[in-house]
Amino acid sequence: MKRFIYIITDRNRNNLHVGLCSDLLKTLKFYSEMPTLFFDCAQHLNRLIYFEEINTEEQAMDRFKTVSTYTRPQKEKMIRSVNPDWVDLTIGLNFEHTTRIRPHLRPSVNMSSARIATAF
């Protein structure tokens, strides 16, 4: 089962929280629903700035322990290597999630209108 190591921060980039989960979208939703769980309102963790997808639970746990022991400059260097502008990656994840669901919502092509279009 795939696991995710992630780093989430607040709007001012003051706090860098490292986490481990199996469903990244569900975890991000949890953070948005529980804004004061770890910090007060001013330090609401709402920006996903880094994540890794790891195939096994053992490797994920080892990587989580390693990243958790990093100092802030080490974490910043790791983040900037893949996300130099510290853009919120949640937007891309939500877009990817909706495109996977979307094919079920596409209207079917009417065969008679397709024949008319090809006749011209």
N, C-alpha and C. Protein backbone atom coordinates (compact mmCIF):
# COMPACT_ATOMS: atom_id res chain seq x y z
N MET A 1 0.84 -1.18 0.00
CA MET A 1 0.00 0.00 0.00
C MET A 1 0.88 1.24 0.00
N LYS A 2 0.54 2.20 -0.82
CA LYS A 2 1.34 3.41 -0.95
C LYS A 2 1.15 4.31 0.26
N ARG A 3 2.24 4.92 0.65
CA ARG A 3 2.25 5.88 1.75
C ARG A 3 2.83 7.19 1.26
N PHE A 4 2.48 8.26 1.94
CA PHE A 4 2.96 9.58 1.57
C PHE A 4 3.67 10.23 2.76
N ILE A 5 4.83 10.78 2.48
CA ILE A 5 5.51 11.66 3.42
C ILE A 5 5.22 13.07 2.92
N TYR A 6 4.81 13.96 3.78
CA TYR A 6 4.47 15.31 3.33
C TYR A 6 4.98 16.35 4.31
N ILE A 7 5.13 17.56 3.79
CA ILE A 7 5.45 18.71 4.62
C ILE A 7 4.38 19.76 4.33
N ILE A 8 3.78 20.25 5.39
CA ILE A 8 2.71 21.24 5.29
C ILE A 8 3.13 22.45 6.14
N THR A 9 2.74 23.62 5.69
CA THR A 9 3.13 24.84 6.39
C THR A 9 1.97 25.81 6.50
N ASP A 10 2.18 26.88 7.24
CA ASP A 10 1.17 27.94 7.36
C ASP A 10 1.42 29.01 6.31
N ARG A 11 0.59 30.02 6.27
CA ARG A 11 0.69 31.03 5.21
C ARG A 11 1.96 31.86 5.29
N ASN A 12 2.55 31.96 6.47
CA ASN A 12 3.78 32.74 6.64
C ASN A 12 5.04 31.88 6.59
N ARG A 13 4.87 30.61 6.40
CA ARG A 13 5.98 29.64 6.33
C ARG A 13 6.77 29.57 7.63
N ASN A 14 6.13 29.84 8.74
CA ASN A 14 6.81 29.79 10.03
C ASN A 14 7.00 28.36 10.53
N ASN A 15 6.02 27.52 10.30
CA ASN A 15 6.05 26.14 10.80
C ASN A 15 6.14 25.18 9.64
N LEU A 16 6.97 24.16 9.80
CA LEU A 16 7.06 23.08 8.83
C LEU A 16 6.69 21.80 9.56
N HIS A 17 5.56 21.23 9.21
CA HIS A 17 5.07 20.02 9.87
C HIS A 17 5.27 18.83 8.93
N VAL A 18 5.99 17.82 9.39
CA VAL A 18 6.23 16.61 8.61
C VAL A 18 5.22 15.56 9.04
N GLY A 19 4.62 14.88 8.06
CA GLY A 19 3.63 13.87 8.37
C GLY A 19 3.74 12.65 7.48
N LEU A 20 3.04 11.60 7.87
CA LEU A 20 3.00 10.33 7.14
C LEU A 20 1.54 9.91 7.06
N CYS A 21 1.08 9.54 5.85
CA CYS A 21 -0.32 9.13 5.71
C CYS A 21 -0.45 8.17 4.54
N SER A 22 -1.62 7.55 4.43
CA SER A 22 -1.90 6.65 3.31
C SER A 22 -2.83 7.30 2.29
N ASP A 23 -3.56 8.33 2.68
CA ASP A 23 -4.46 9.05 1.77
C ASP A 23 -4.21 10.55 1.94
N LEU A 24 -3.46 11.11 1.01
CA LEU A 24 -3.03 12.50 1.14
C LEU A 24 -4.20 13.48 1.07
N LEU A 25 -5.13 13.26 0.17
CA LEU A 25 -6.28 14.18 0.05
C LEU A 25 -7.14 14.18 1.32
N LYS A 26 -7.34 13.00 1.89
CA LYS A 26 -8.13 12.91 3.12
C LYS A 26 -7.42 13.61 4.28
N THR A 27 -6.10 13.48 4.33
CA THR A 27 -5.33 14.13 5.38
C THR A 27 -5.39 15.65 5.24
N LEU A 28 -5.28 16.16 4.02
CA LEU A 28 -5.35 17.59 3.79
C LEU A 28 -6.74 18.14 4.14
N LYS A 29 -7.75 17.35 3.85
CA LYS A 29 -9.12 17.75 4.22
C LYS A 29 -9.25 17.83 5.75
N PHE A 30 -8.63 16.87 6.43
CA PHE A 30 -8.65 16.86 7.89
C PHE A 30 -8.00 18.13 8.45
N TYR A 31 -6.86 18.53 7.89
CA TYR A 31 -6.19 19.75 8.34
C TYR A 31 -7.07 20.97 8.12
N SER A 32 -7.80 21.01 7.01
CA SER A 32 -8.67 22.17 6.76
C SER A 32 -9.88 22.19 7.69
N GLU A 33 -10.36 21.01 8.10
CA GLU A 33 -11.52 20.94 8.99
C GLU A 33 -11.16 21.16 10.45
N MET A 34 -9.90 20.91 10.80
CA MET A 34 -9.44 21.06 12.19
C MET A 34 -8.30 22.08 12.24
N PRO A 35 -8.60 23.36 12.00
CA PRO A 35 -7.53 24.35 11.86
C PRO A 35 -6.69 24.58 13.10
N THR A 36 -7.23 24.40 14.27
CA THR A 36 -6.48 24.69 15.49
C THR A 36 -6.02 23.43 16.22
N LEU A 37 -5.90 22.34 15.50
CA LEU A 37 -5.51 21.09 16.14
C LEU A 37 -4.08 21.16 16.69
N PHE A 38 -3.15 21.61 15.87
CA PHE A 38 -1.75 21.65 16.30
C PHE A 38 -1.31 23.04 16.75
N PHE A 39 -1.85 24.07 16.14
CA PHE A 39 -1.42 25.44 16.42
C PHE A 39 -2.65 26.32 16.54
N ASP A 40 -2.44 27.60 16.88
CA ASP A 40 -3.57 28.51 16.95
C ASP A 40 -3.98 28.99 15.55
N CYS A 41 -4.98 29.84 15.48
CA CYS A 41 -5.54 30.27 14.19
C CYS A 41 -4.52 30.99 13.31
N ALA A 42 -3.61 31.72 13.91
CA ALA A 42 -2.63 32.46 13.12
C ALA A 42 -1.65 31.53 12.42
N GLN A 43 -1.51 30.33 12.94
CA GLN A 43 -0.55 29.38 12.38
C GLN A 43 -1.26 28.16 11.79
N HIS A 44 -2.36 28.39 11.14
CA HIS A 44 -3.17 27.34 10.53
C HIS A 44 -2.38 26.65 9.41
N LEU A 45 -2.16 25.35 9.55
CA LEU A 45 -1.40 24.60 8.55
C LEU A 45 -2.33 24.31 7.37
N ASN A 46 -2.07 24.97 6.24
CA ASN A 46 -2.99 24.81 5.12
C ASN A 46 -2.29 24.72 3.77
N ARG A 47 -0.98 24.70 3.72
CA ARG A 47 -0.27 24.67 2.44
C ARG A 47 0.62 23.45 2.34
N LEU A 48 0.29 22.58 1.43
CA LEU A 48 1.12 21.42 1.15
C LEU A 48 2.25 21.89 0.24
N ILE A 49 3.48 21.78 0.71
CA ILE A 49 4.59 22.28 -0.09
C ILE A 49 5.55 21.19 -0.54
N TYR A 50 5.39 19.98 0.00
CA TYR A 50 6.27 18.88 -0.38
C TYR A 50 5.59 17.56 -0.06
N PHE A 51 5.75 16.58 -0.94
CA PHE A 51 5.31 15.23 -0.61
C PHE A 51 6.09 14.21 -1.43
N GLU A 52 6.19 13.02 -0.89
CA GLU A 52 6.82 11.89 -1.56
C GLU A 52 5.86 10.71 -1.49
N GLU A 53 5.80 9.94 -2.56
CA GLU A 53 4.99 8.73 -2.58
C GLU A 53 5.94 7.54 -2.43
N ILE A 54 5.69 6.70 -1.44
CA ILE A 54 6.57 5.57 -1.14
C ILE A 54 5.73 4.29 -1.17
N ASN A 55 6.31 3.23 -1.74
CA ASN A 55 5.54 2.01 -1.99
C ASN A 55 5.30 1.14 -0.76
N THR A 56 6.25 1.02 0.12
CA THR A 56 6.06 0.13 1.27
C THR A 56 5.99 0.92 2.57
N GLU A 57 5.32 0.33 3.53
CA GLU A 57 5.13 0.99 4.82
C GLU A 57 6.45 1.11 5.58
N GLU A 58 7.30 0.10 5.47
CA GLU A 58 8.59 0.13 6.18
C GLU A 58 9.48 1.24 5.65
N GLN A 59 9.57 1.35 4.32
CA GLN A 59 10.37 2.41 3.72
C GLN A 59 9.81 3.79 4.07
N ALA A 60 8.49 3.90 4.08
CA ALA A 60 7.85 5.17 4.41
C ALA A 60 8.15 5.56 5.85
N MET A 61 8.09 4.61 6.74
CA MET A 61 8.37 4.90 8.15
C MET A 61 9.83 5.31 8.35
N ASP A 62 10.74 4.63 7.67
CA ASP A 62 12.16 5.00 7.76
C ASP A 62 12.39 6.41 7.21
N ARG A 63 11.77 6.71 6.07
CA ARG A 63 11.93 8.04 5.47
C ARG A 63 11.31 9.12 6.36
N PHE A 64 10.16 8.81 6.94
CA PHE A 64 9.50 9.75 7.85
C PHE A 64 10.39 10.07 9.05
N LYS A 65 11.00 9.05 9.63
CA LYS A 65 11.89 9.26 10.77
C LYS A 65 13.09 10.10 10.38
N THR A 66 13.61 9.87 9.17
CA THR A 66 14.76 10.63 8.69
C THR A 66 14.39 12.09 8.48
N VAL A 67 13.31 12.34 7.74
CA VAL A 67 12.90 13.71 7.44
C VAL A 67 12.50 14.45 8.72
N SER A 68 11.93 13.75 9.67
CA SER A 68 11.52 14.39 10.93
C SER A 68 12.71 14.89 11.73
N THR A 69 13.86 14.27 11.56
CA THR A 69 15.04 14.70 12.31
C THR A 69 15.80 15.82 11.61
N TYR A 70 15.42 16.17 10.40
CA TYR A 70 16.09 17.26 9.66
C TYR A 70 15.90 18.58 10.39
N THR A 71 16.90 19.43 10.28
CA THR A 71 16.77 20.79 10.77
C THR A 71 15.96 21.59 9.76
N ARG A 72 15.56 22.79 10.15
CA ARG A 72 14.77 23.61 9.23
C ARG A 72 15.53 23.92 7.93
N PRO A 73 16.80 24.29 7.98
CA PRO A 73 17.51 24.53 6.71
C PRO A 73 17.57 23.30 5.80
N GLN A 74 17.70 22.12 6.39
CA GLN A 74 17.72 20.89 5.59
C GLN A 74 16.35 20.66 4.92
N LYS A 75 15.28 20.90 5.67
CA LYS A 75 13.93 20.75 5.11
C LYS A 75 13.70 21.78 4.01
N GLU A 76 14.14 23.02 4.23
CA GLU A 76 13.97 24.05 3.21
C GLU A 76 14.73 23.70 1.93
N LYS A 77 15.91 23.17 2.07
CA LYS A 77 16.70 22.76 0.90
C LYS A 77 15.99 21.64 0.13
N MET A 78 15.41 20.69 0.86
CA MET A 78 14.68 19.59 0.24
C MET A 78 13.44 20.11 -0.48
N ILE A 79 12.72 21.03 0.14
CA ILE A 79 11.52 21.62 -0.46
C ILE A 79 11.88 22.41 -1.71
N ARG A 80 12.89 23.26 -1.61
CA ARG A 80 13.28 24.11 -2.74
C ARG A 80 13.82 23.32 -3.92
N SER A 81 14.29 22.11 -3.70
CA SER A 81 14.79 21.29 -4.81
C SER A 81 13.66 20.86 -5.75
N VAL A 82 12.45 20.75 -5.24
CA VAL A 82 11.31 20.34 -6.08
C VAL A 82 10.24 21.42 -6.20
N ASN A 83 10.21 22.36 -5.27
CA ASN A 83 9.18 23.41 -5.25
C ASN A 83 9.84 24.73 -4.85
N PRO A 84 10.63 25.34 -5.77
CA PRO A 84 11.42 26.52 -5.40
C PRO A 84 10.60 27.72 -4.94
N ASP A 85 9.37 27.86 -5.40
CA ASP A 85 8.53 29.01 -5.03
C ASP A 85 7.58 28.70 -3.88
N TRP A 86 7.67 27.52 -3.33
CA TRP A 86 6.82 27.07 -2.24
C TRP A 86 5.34 27.22 -2.60
N VAL A 87 5.00 26.81 -3.78
CA VAL A 87 3.61 26.87 -4.26
C VAL A 87 2.80 25.79 -3.54
N ASP A 88 1.56 26.10 -3.24
CA ASP A 88 0.67 25.13 -2.60
C ASP A 88 0.34 24.02 -3.59
N LEU A 89 0.75 22.80 -3.30
CA LEU A 89 0.57 21.67 -4.21
C LEU A 89 -0.82 21.05 -4.11
N THR A 90 -1.62 21.50 -3.17
CA THR A 90 -2.97 20.97 -3.00
C THR A 90 -3.82 21.21 -4.25
N ILE A 91 -3.62 22.34 -4.89
CA ILE A 91 -4.41 22.67 -6.08
C ILE A 91 -4.20 21.63 -7.17
N GLY A 92 -2.96 21.25 -7.41
CA GLY A 92 -2.66 20.24 -8.41
C GLY A 92 -3.22 18.88 -8.05
N LEU A 93 -3.16 18.53 -6.77
CA LEU A 93 -3.71 17.24 -6.34
C LEU A 93 -5.21 17.20 -6.53
N ASN A 94 -5.90 18.28 -6.18
CA ASN A 94 -7.35 18.33 -6.35
C ASN A 94 -7.72 18.26 -7.83
N PHE A 95 -6.95 18.92 -8.69
CA PHE A 95 -7.21 18.88 -10.12
C PHE A 95 -7.03 17.47 -10.66
N GLU A 96 -5.94 16.81 -10.24
CA GLU A 96 -5.69 15.44 -10.68
C GLU A 96 -6.79 14.50 -10.20
N HIS A 97 -7.25 14.71 -8.98
CA HIS A 97 -8.31 13.87 -8.42
C HIS A 97 -9.61 14.04 -9.21
N THR A 98 -9.95 15.27 -9.58
CA THR A 98 -11.19 15.51 -10.31
C THR A 98 -11.10 15.02 -11.75
N THR A 99 -9.91 15.02 -12.34
CA THR A 99 -9.81 14.51 -13.71
C THR A 99 -9.95 13.01 -13.75
N ARG A 100 -9.60 12.33 -12.67
CA ARG A 100 -9.80 10.88 -12.63
C ARG A 100 -11.29 10.55 -12.54
N ILE A 101 -12.04 11.37 -11.87
CA ILE A 101 -13.47 11.12 -11.70
C ILE A 101 -14.25 11.61 -12.91
N ARG A 102 -13.77 12.61 -13.57
CA ARG A 102 -14.49 13.28 -14.64
C ARG A 102 -14.95 12.41 -15.81
N PRO A 103 -14.20 11.40 -16.29
CA PRO A 103 -14.67 10.65 -17.46
C PRO A 103 -16.08 10.08 -17.33
N HIS A 104 -16.53 9.83 -16.12
CA HIS A 104 -17.88 9.33 -15.93
C HIS A 104 -18.93 10.41 -16.21
N LEU A 105 -18.51 11.66 -16.17
CA LEU A 105 -19.44 12.76 -16.35
C LEU A 105 -19.51 13.26 -17.79
N ARG A 106 -18.63 12.77 -18.65
CA ARG A 106 -18.63 13.23 -20.03
C ARG A 106 -19.89 12.77 -20.75
N PRO A 107 -20.50 13.66 -21.51
CA PRO A 107 -21.68 13.23 -22.27
C PRO A 107 -21.26 12.33 -23.43
N SER A 108 -22.09 11.40 -23.75
CA SER A 108 -21.78 10.52 -24.87
C SER A 108 -22.03 11.26 -26.18
N VAL A 109 -21.29 10.89 -27.19
CA VAL A 109 -21.43 11.53 -28.50
C VAL A 109 -22.59 10.87 -29.23
N ASN A 110 -23.45 11.69 -29.75
CA ASN A 110 -24.59 11.19 -30.50
C ASN A 110 -24.07 10.75 -31.88
N MET A 111 -24.29 9.51 -32.25
CA MET A 111 -23.73 8.98 -33.49
C MET A 111 -24.32 9.67 -34.73
N SER A 112 -25.55 10.09 -34.69
CA SER A 112 -26.15 10.75 -35.86
C SER A 112 -25.51 12.11 -36.11
N SER A 113 -25.21 12.87 -35.04
CA SER A 113 -24.55 14.16 -35.21
C SER A 113 -23.10 13.97 -35.64
N ALA A 114 -22.48 12.87 -35.24
CA ALA A 114 -21.11 12.60 -35.66
C ALA A 114 -21.08 12.29 -37.16
N ARG A 115 -22.09 11.58 -37.67
CA ARG A 115 -22.14 11.27 -39.10
C ARG A 115 -22.37 12.54 -39.92
N ILE A 116 -23.21 13.43 -39.41
CA ILE A 116 -23.47 14.68 -40.11
C ILE A 116 -22.22 15.53 -40.19
N ALA A 117 -21.47 15.56 -39.09
CA ALA A 117 -20.25 16.37 -39.05
C ALA A 117 -19.21 15.85 -40.03
N THR A 118 -19.14 14.53 -40.21
CA THR A 118 -18.14 13.98 -41.12
C THR A 118 -18.59 14.05 -42.58
N ALA A 119 -19.88 14.26 -42.83
CA ALA A 119 -20.38 14.32 -44.21
C ALA A 119 -19.95 15.60 -44.91
N PHE A 120 -19.72 16.66 -44.17
CA PHE A 120 -19.35 17.95 -44.77
C PHE A 120 -17.91 17.99 -45.01
